[in-house]
Amino acid sequence: MKKNVLITGAAGFLGRNLREVLGREPDVELRAYDLSDSEAALDRHLRDAHVIFHLAGVNRPQHEAEFDSGNAGATSELCAKLSAMGRRPKLVFSSSVQAVLDNPYGASKRKAEVALQRFADEHGAEVAIYRLKNVFGKWCRPNYNSVVATFCHNVARKLPIQISDPARELDLVYVDDVISAFVGELAEGSPGARFKEIPVAYRITLGRLADLVQSFQASRRTLVLPDLSDPFTRKLYATFVSYLPEDGLACALERRVDGRGELAEFIKSAPAGQIFVSRTKPGITRGHHFHHTKTEKFLVLEGDALIRLHRVDCREAQEYRVTGKDLIVVDIPPGYTHCITNVGPSDLIVLFWASEVFDPQRPDTYLLEV
């Protein structure tokens, strides 16, 4: 039997991400509700729901009174409707860490929490309350209430950003980590209201955040990838890329053209080396050099190639005939002079990986004919 799941605030940042994930769950019958929908539609959904993700709320109203009506009032009304129907589905509520602060938004979230706790106590319902930190990730509205979204959106469009206090610290959680925790709430628990936390959170200064986002934009020109081994950097980079304008996703590489053909660098990474691609004309040979420490991999994508190499202290060469049809990777060890020749009738296209980013001050490349 499918579990009927209702999402309120389904058109919002969290709602859209949760809908995308739950919409692919085979055992979930998903219902979505937002402010543009009728109250009658909400009533229909409430009569069937086994789990309700109550994500609807107000955080940037035109009038301060809307905090109370949009957060506390809407939540109390939701509980009242369920009580009148004699229903007690599981409720998962997106509250805020500001619920402990003395401001209108925090007070309205705290009142909503109290209404849900009361509903759990009176009806034996299960309620999970998440006091979320600042959530970042794809599809968050920029220039609204998320500094991450604003920085990513503006920097991706080469617009200015404002940094009020570079030393100010932010507590952040990633939207996919939030959604993962929410999906886990589909499992049944025990009656009562409980406060939950997203298990993975990050703290960063405003200045460091701005520096990272700006470095992501610069990487489209320098080709140097950020340190993706760091989980926060990897998530922030994914967020930044999601804000690139759709008509600006393509970025031309710098091509080095000569009589042999052309070559272009593709990706650089201090810990992982670099990738570049070449196009070589028929009959042309590239290489005739070796490296002491740098290692390489050759992958022919199109055409026919002859790869020859031998140890620098030995003149007996090893040969590999490879074509783009086979997708064979050839490793080039250090201390082996090597070359690659286009032995086909058409252009040869090869993808190269080197274990080090090329440094003209220390190229580690020595000419020696194979």
Protein backbone atom coordinates (compact mmCIF):
# COMPACT_ATOMS: atom_id res chain seq x y z
CA MET A 1 0.00 0.00 0.00
CA LYS A 2 1.32 3.43 -0.94
CA LYS A 3 1.90 6.04 1.74
CA ASN A 4 -0.01 9.26 1.10
CA VAL A 5 2.33 12.21 1.67
CA LEU A 6 1.34 15.89 1.68
CA ILE A 7 3.79 18.77 1.30
CA THR A 8 2.63 22.25 2.26
CA GLY A 9 4.70 25.09 0.83
CA ALA A 10 5.35 22.79 -2.12
CA ALA A 11 6.40 25.63 -4.43
CA GLY A 12 9.09 26.90 -2.04
CA PHE A 13 12.78 26.12 -1.84
CA LEU A 14 12.50 23.07 0.43
CA GLY A 15 9.18 22.02 -1.09
CA ARG A 16 10.53 21.86 -4.63
CA ASN A 17 13.54 19.79 -3.59
CA LEU A 18 11.45 17.42 -1.49
CA ARG A 19 8.86 17.02 -4.26
CA GLU A 20 11.55 16.04 -6.73
CA VAL A 21 12.88 13.30 -4.42
CA LEU A 22 9.57 11.94 -3.14
CA GLY A 23 8.08 12.05 -6.63
CA ARG A 24 10.45 9.22 -7.57
CA GLU A 25 9.56 7.05 -4.57
CA PRO A 26 7.44 4.11 -5.81
CA ASP A 27 5.68 3.67 -2.45
CA VAL A 28 4.66 7.33 -2.09
CA GLU A 29 1.44 8.94 -3.30
CA LEU A 30 2.50 12.58 -3.33
CA ARG A 31 0.18 15.55 -2.82
CA ALA A 32 1.35 19.16 -3.02
CA TYR A 33 -0.25 22.27 -1.57
CA ASP A 34 0.75 25.92 -1.84
CA LEU A 35 -0.86 29.29 -1.18
CA SER A 36 -2.23 29.47 -4.72
CA ASP A 37 -4.32 26.35 -4.08
CA SER A 38 -7.82 26.44 -2.58
CA GLU A 39 -8.69 25.64 1.01
CA ALA A 40 -10.95 22.87 -0.28
CA ALA A 41 -7.90 21.26 -1.93
CA LEU A 42 -6.05 21.38 1.38
CA ASP A 43 -8.98 19.74 3.15
CA ARG A 44 -9.02 16.90 0.61
CA HIS A 45 -5.32 16.29 1.08
CA LEU A 46 -5.58 16.34 4.88
CA ARG A 47 -8.26 13.62 4.86
CA ASP A 48 -5.90 11.19 3.13
CA ALA A 49 -2.41 12.10 4.35
CA HIS A 50 -0.36 9.62 6.35
CA VAL A 51 2.60 12.02 6.58
CA ILE A 52 2.52 15.82 6.30
CA PHE A 53 5.65 17.85 5.64
CA HIS A 54 4.57 21.28 6.82
CA LEU A 55 7.06 23.51 5.02
CA ALA A 56 4.79 26.48 4.34
CA GLY A 57 5.69 29.67 6.14
CA VAL A 58 6.44 33.36 5.94
CA ASN A 59 9.92 34.83 6.42
CA ARG A 60 9.97 38.12 4.49
CA PRO A 61 6.48 39.64 4.75
CA GLN A 62 5.47 43.17 3.85
CA HIS A 63 3.91 43.64 7.29
CA GLU A 64 5.21 42.29 10.59
CA ALA A 65 1.80 40.87 11.53
CA GLU A 66 2.11 38.40 8.66
CA PHE A 67 4.78 36.52 10.59
CA ASP A 68 2.19 35.48 13.14
CA SER A 69 -0.59 34.72 10.67
CA GLY A 70 1.62 32.94 8.14
CA ASN A 71 3.56 30.81 10.61
CA ALA A 72 1.79 30.39 13.95
CA GLY A 73 -1.72 31.02 12.58
CA ALA A 74 -1.42 28.72 9.58
CA THR A 75 0.05 25.93 11.71
CA SER A 76 -2.67 26.24 14.37
CA GLU A 77 -5.30 26.14 11.64
CA LEU A 78 -3.73 23.01 10.16
CA CYS A 79 -3.85 21.30 13.55
CA ALA A 80 -7.46 22.43 14.07
CA LYS A 81 -8.52 20.97 10.72
CA LEU A 82 -6.91 17.63 11.54
CA SER A 83 -8.54 17.61 14.98
CA ALA A 84 -11.97 18.29 13.45
CA MET A 85 -11.44 15.41 11.01
CA GLY A 86 -10.34 13.07 13.79
CA ARG A 87 -7.03 12.49 12.05
CA ARG A 88 -3.52 12.22 13.47
CA PRO A 89 -0.98 11.84 10.64
CA LYS A 90 2.71 12.19 11.27
CA LEU A 91 3.77 15.85 11.03
CA VAL A 92 7.24 17.04 10.03
CA PHE A 93 7.72 20.77 10.56
CA SER A 94 10.45 23.04 9.17
CA SER A 95 11.07 25.45 12.01
CA SER A 96 14.13 27.66 12.45
CA VAL A 97 17.02 28.14 14.85
CA GLN A 98 15.56 31.63 15.26
CA ALA A 99 12.71 30.09 17.26
CA VAL A 100 14.82 30.68 20.39
CA LEU A 101 15.43 34.36 19.52
CA ASP A 102 13.37 37.36 20.53
CA ASN A 103 12.28 38.61 17.12
CA PRO A 104 8.92 38.49 15.31
CA TYR A 105 9.93 35.69 12.96
CA GLY A 106 11.42 33.55 15.72
CA ALA A 107 8.41 34.14 17.98
CA SER A 108 6.01 33.06 15.23
CA LYS A 109 7.97 29.86 14.62
CA ARG A 110 8.04 29.15 18.36
CA LYS A 111 4.24 29.56 18.55
CA ALA A 112 3.89 27.14 15.62
CA GLU A 113 6.04 24.62 17.48
CA VAL A 114 3.81 24.96 20.56
CA ALA A 115 0.69 24.32 18.46
CA LEU A 116 2.23 21.15 17.05
CA GLN A 117 3.36 19.97 20.49
CA ARG A 118 -0.16 20.49 21.78
CA PHE A 119 -1.59 18.52 18.86
CA ALA A 120 0.81 15.65 19.57
CA ASP A 121 -0.07 15.61 23.28
CA GLU A 122 -3.84 15.77 22.74
CA HIS A 123 -4.11 13.28 19.89
CA GLY A 124 -1.15 10.94 20.32
CA ALA A 125 0.33 12.04 17.00
CA GLU A 126 3.98 11.86 16.01
CA VAL A 127 5.57 15.26 15.35
CA ALA A 128 9.14 15.95 14.23
CA ILE A 129 10.30 19.57 14.56
CA TYR A 130 13.45 20.63 12.72
CA ARG A 131 14.95 23.92 13.83
CA LEU A 132 16.83 24.46 10.60
CA LYS A 133 19.94 26.55 10.24
CA ASN A 134 20.45 28.56 7.06
CA VAL A 135 19.74 26.15 4.21
CA PHE A 136 21.67 26.47 0.95
CA GLY A 137 21.52 24.61 -2.34
CA LYS A 138 19.93 24.64 -5.78
CA TRP A 139 16.65 26.50 -6.41
CA CYS A 140 16.88 28.86 -3.44
CA ARG A 141 15.63 32.35 -4.26
CA PRO A 142 18.46 34.93 -4.54
CA ASN A 143 18.31 38.48 -3.20
CA TYR A 144 15.68 37.39 -0.69
CA ASN A 145 16.74 35.78 2.58
CA SER A 146 19.72 33.57 1.68
CA VAL A 147 23.17 35.10 1.49
CA VAL A 148 24.51 31.97 -0.23
CA ALA A 149 21.88 32.19 -2.98
CA THR A 150 22.52 35.92 -3.40
CA PHE A 151 26.29 35.54 -3.58
CA CYS A 152 26.06 32.67 -6.08
CA HIS A 153 23.47 34.41 -8.27
CA ASN A 154 25.28 37.75 -8.36
CA VAL A 155 28.82 36.43 -8.79
CA ALA A 156 27.67 34.09 -11.58
CA ARG A 157 26.38 37.19 -13.39
CA LYS A 158 29.37 39.38 -12.48
CA LEU A 159 27.17 41.57 -10.31
CA PRO A 160 28.47 43.17 -7.09
CA ILE A 161 27.93 41.58 -3.68
CA GLN A 162 27.80 43.31 -0.31
CA ILE A 163 29.73 41.99 2.70
CA SER A 164 28.59 43.74 5.85
CA ASP A 165 31.05 42.03 8.19
CA PRO A 166 33.60 39.57 6.73
CA ALA A 167 34.19 38.04 10.17
CA ARG A 168 30.52 37.29 10.81
CA GLU A 169 29.95 33.53 11.11
CA LEU A 170 27.11 31.65 9.41
CA ASP A 171 25.70 28.26 10.34
CA LEU A 172 24.64 26.39 7.22
CA VAL A 173 23.01 23.11 6.21
CA TYR A 174 22.85 21.75 2.68
CA VAL A 175 19.46 21.19 1.10
CA ASP A 176 20.20 17.58 0.08
CA ASP A 177 21.14 16.76 3.68
CA VAL A 178 17.87 18.31 4.85
CA ILE A 179 15.85 16.37 2.28
CA SER A 180 17.64 13.14 3.23
CA ALA A 181 16.61 13.66 6.86
CA PHE A 182 13.04 14.44 5.79
CA VAL A 183 12.79 11.29 3.66
CA GLY A 184 13.91 9.31 6.69
CA GLU A 185 10.81 10.59 8.49
CA LEU A 186 8.61 8.43 6.24
CA ALA A 187 9.40 5.59 8.62
CA GLU A 188 6.96 5.30 11.50
CA GLY A 189 8.12 6.25 14.97
CA SER A 190 6.41 6.63 18.31
CA PRO A 191 3.78 9.21 19.38
CA GLY A 192 4.91 12.56 20.73
CA ALA A 193 6.69 15.70 19.61
CA ARG A 194 10.45 15.64 19.22
CA PHE A 195 13.05 18.17 18.13
CA LYS A 196 15.36 16.88 15.40
CA GLU A 197 18.61 18.16 13.90
CA ILE A 198 20.24 17.80 10.51
CA PRO A 199 23.29 15.67 11.34
CA VAL A 200 25.67 17.55 9.01
CA ALA A 201 26.15 21.29 9.45
CA TYR A 202 28.83 23.84 8.55
CA ARG A 203 30.12 27.12 9.99
CA ILE A 204 31.86 29.66 7.80
CA THR A 205 32.60 33.37 7.89
CA LEU A 206 30.91 35.71 5.45
CA GLY A 207 34.29 36.71 4.04
CA ARG A 208 35.39 33.12 3.44
CA LEU A 209 32.04 32.34 1.81
CA ALA A 210 32.46 35.26 -0.59
CA ASP A 211 36.04 34.23 -1.40
CA LEU A 212 34.98 30.67 -2.24
CA VAL A 213 32.09 31.72 -4.46
CA GLN A 214 34.30 34.20 -6.32
CA SER A 215 36.96 31.52 -6.78
CA PHE A 216 34.34 29.29 -8.41
CA GLN A 217 33.60 31.98 -10.97
CA ALA A 218 37.32 32.49 -11.59
CA SER A 219 37.78 28.73 -12.12
CA ARG A 220 35.79 28.95 -15.34
CA ARG A 221 38.66 31.03 -16.69
CA THR A 222 41.65 29.45 -14.92
CA LEU A 223 40.26 25.89 -15.23
CA VAL A 224 41.47 25.20 -11.66
CA LEU A 225 38.90 23.13 -9.80
CA PRO A 226 38.22 23.86 -6.11
CA ASP A 227 39.16 21.34 -3.46
CA LEU A 228 36.27 18.93 -3.99
CA SER A 229 37.63 16.57 -1.33
CA ASP A 230 36.13 18.98 1.21
CA PRO A 231 32.40 18.16 1.55
CA PHE A 232 31.30 21.76 2.16
CA THR A 233 33.29 23.10 -0.79
CA ARG A 234 31.84 20.38 -3.03
CA LYS A 235 28.28 21.26 -2.00
CA LEU A 236 28.85 24.99 -2.31
CA TYR A 237 30.41 24.52 -5.75
CA ALA A 238 27.37 22.51 -6.90
CA THR A 239 25.17 25.31 -5.59
CA PHE A 240 27.16 27.95 -7.48
CA VAL A 241 26.97 26.05 -10.76
CA SER A 242 23.19 25.78 -10.37
CA TYR A 243 23.02 29.60 -10.46
CA LEU A 244 24.92 30.04 -13.72
CA PRO A 245 22.65 31.71 -16.30
CA GLU A 246 21.26 29.18 -18.75
CA ASP A 247 22.59 31.14 -21.71
CA GLY A 248 26.05 31.27 -20.14
CA LEU A 249 26.80 27.62 -19.40
CA ALA A 250 29.18 27.24 -22.35
CA CYS A 251 32.76 28.44 -21.87
CA ALA A 252 35.31 28.37 -24.71
CA LEU A 253 38.73 26.88 -24.00
CA GLU A 254 41.93 28.60 -25.03
CA ARG A 255 43.30 26.75 -28.08
CA ARG A 256 46.99 26.55 -28.92
CA VAL A 257 47.26 26.01 -32.66
CA ASP A 258 50.40 25.21 -34.68
CA GLY A 259 51.38 23.16 -37.70
CA ARG A 260 50.81 19.88 -35.85
CA GLY A 261 47.19 20.67 -34.95
CA GLU A 262 45.83 22.14 -31.75
CA LEU A 263 45.80 21.57 -27.99
CA ALA A 264 43.58 22.89 -25.19
CA GLU A 265 43.73 22.54 -21.42
CA PHE A 266 40.44 21.38 -19.91
CA ILE A 267 40.66 20.90 -16.13
CA LYS A 268 43.35 21.62 -13.54
CA SER A 269 43.51 20.48 -9.92
CA ALA A 270 46.43 20.84 -7.54
CA PRO A 271 45.85 17.42 -5.91
CA ALA A 272 44.64 15.62 -9.05
CA GLY A 273 46.72 17.07 -11.89
CA GLN A 274 45.24 18.28 -15.16
CA ILE A 275 43.37 17.10 -18.26
CA PHE A 276 43.91 18.41 -21.76
CA VAL A 277 42.87 17.43 -25.25
CA SER A 278 44.72 17.55 -28.56
CA ARG A 279 43.87 17.32 -32.23
CA THR A 280 46.78 16.10 -34.37
CA LYS A 281 47.01 16.05 -38.16
CA PRO A 282 47.80 12.83 -40.08
CA GLY A 283 51.48 11.83 -40.05
CA ILE A 284 52.36 14.16 -37.18
CA THR A 285 54.16 13.00 -34.01
CA ARG A 286 53.91 14.65 -30.60
CA GLY A 287 56.18 14.08 -27.62
CA HIS A 288 59.74 12.73 -27.70
CA HIS A 289 60.25 13.69 -24.08
CA PHE A 290 60.15 12.19 -20.59
CA HIS A 291 59.35 13.22 -17.00
CA HIS A 292 61.10 12.37 -13.75
CA THR A 293 58.02 12.48 -11.50
CA LYS A 294 55.02 13.41 -13.61
CA THR A 295 52.93 10.49 -14.88
CA GLU A 296 50.44 10.59 -17.73
CA LYS A 297 47.56 8.66 -19.27
CA PHE A 298 46.73 8.75 -22.98
CA LEU A 299 43.22 8.01 -24.24
CA VAL A 300 42.57 8.10 -27.98
CA LEU A 301 39.03 9.30 -28.61
CA GLU A 302 39.06 9.41 -32.39
CA GLY A 303 41.48 8.26 -35.08
CA ASP A 304 44.43 5.84 -35.16
CA ALA A 305 47.57 6.29 -33.10
CA LEU A 306 50.90 4.63 -32.51
CA ILE A 307 52.28 5.22 -29.00
CA ARG A 308 55.97 4.39 -28.52
CA LEU A 309 57.99 4.58 -25.30
CA HIS A 310 61.09 3.21 -23.66
CA ARG A 311 63.02 3.74 -20.46
CA VAL A 312 65.61 6.47 -20.78
CA ASP A 313 68.40 4.02 -19.91
CA CYS A 314 67.21 1.43 -22.42
CA ARG A 315 66.81 1.84 -26.20
CA GLU A 316 64.30 -0.99 -26.73
CA ALA A 317 60.94 0.67 -27.43
CA GLN A 318 57.49 -0.67 -26.59
CA GLU A 319 54.72 0.10 -29.09
CA TYR A 320 50.93 0.35 -28.68
CA ARG A 321 48.63 0.70 -31.67
CA VAL A 322 45.34 2.16 -30.42
CA THR A 323 42.21 3.57 -32.04
CA GLY A 324 39.26 5.64 -30.90
CA LYS A 325 37.02 2.61 -31.37
CA ASP A 326 38.74 0.72 -28.55
CA LEU A 327 38.98 3.37 -25.79
CA ILE A 328 42.22 1.95 -24.40
CA VAL A 329 44.12 3.93 -21.75
CA VAL A 330 47.91 3.82 -21.98
CA ASP A 331 49.92 4.71 -18.86
CA ILE A 332 53.16 6.65 -19.31
CA PRO A 333 55.51 5.97 -16.37
CA PRO A 334 58.12 8.47 -15.20
CA GLY A 335 61.55 7.92 -16.68
CA TYR A 336 60.10 6.74 -20.01
CA THR A 337 60.56 8.89 -23.08
CA HIS A 338 57.45 8.68 -25.20
CA CYS A 339 55.69 9.91 -28.32
CA ILE A 340 52.35 9.53 -30.09
CA THR A 341 51.95 9.52 -33.87
CA ASN A 342 48.81 9.93 -35.95
CA VAL A 343 49.00 6.92 -38.28
CA GLY A 344 45.47 7.29 -39.64
CA PRO A 345 44.00 9.19 -42.58
CA SER A 346 42.08 11.70 -40.45
CA ASP A 347 42.68 13.94 -37.43
CA LEU A 348 43.67 12.20 -34.20
CA ILE A 349 41.87 13.36 -31.04
CA VAL A 350 43.46 12.38 -27.74
CA LEU A 351 42.54 13.05 -24.12
CA PHE A 352 45.56 13.38 -21.83
CA TRP A 353 45.78 13.31 -18.05
CA ALA A 354 48.90 14.44 -16.20
CA SER A 355 49.46 13.91 -12.49
CA GLU A 356 50.72 17.48 -12.04
CA VAL A 357 49.48 20.82 -13.24
CA PHE A 358 52.03 22.19 -15.70
CA ASP A 359 54.39 24.65 -14.05
CA PRO A 360 56.55 26.61 -16.53
CA GLN A 361 59.05 27.31 -13.72
CA ARG A 362 59.38 23.56 -13.08
CA PRO A 363 58.10 21.76 -16.17
CA ASP A 364 59.65 18.33 -15.41
CA THR A 365 59.83 17.74 -19.19
CA TYR A 366 63.08 16.68 -20.91
CA LEU A 367 63.56 16.18 -24.63
CA LEU A 368 64.74 12.73 -25.72
CA GLU A 369 63.84 11.10 -29.01
CA VAL A 370 62.21 7.70 -28.80
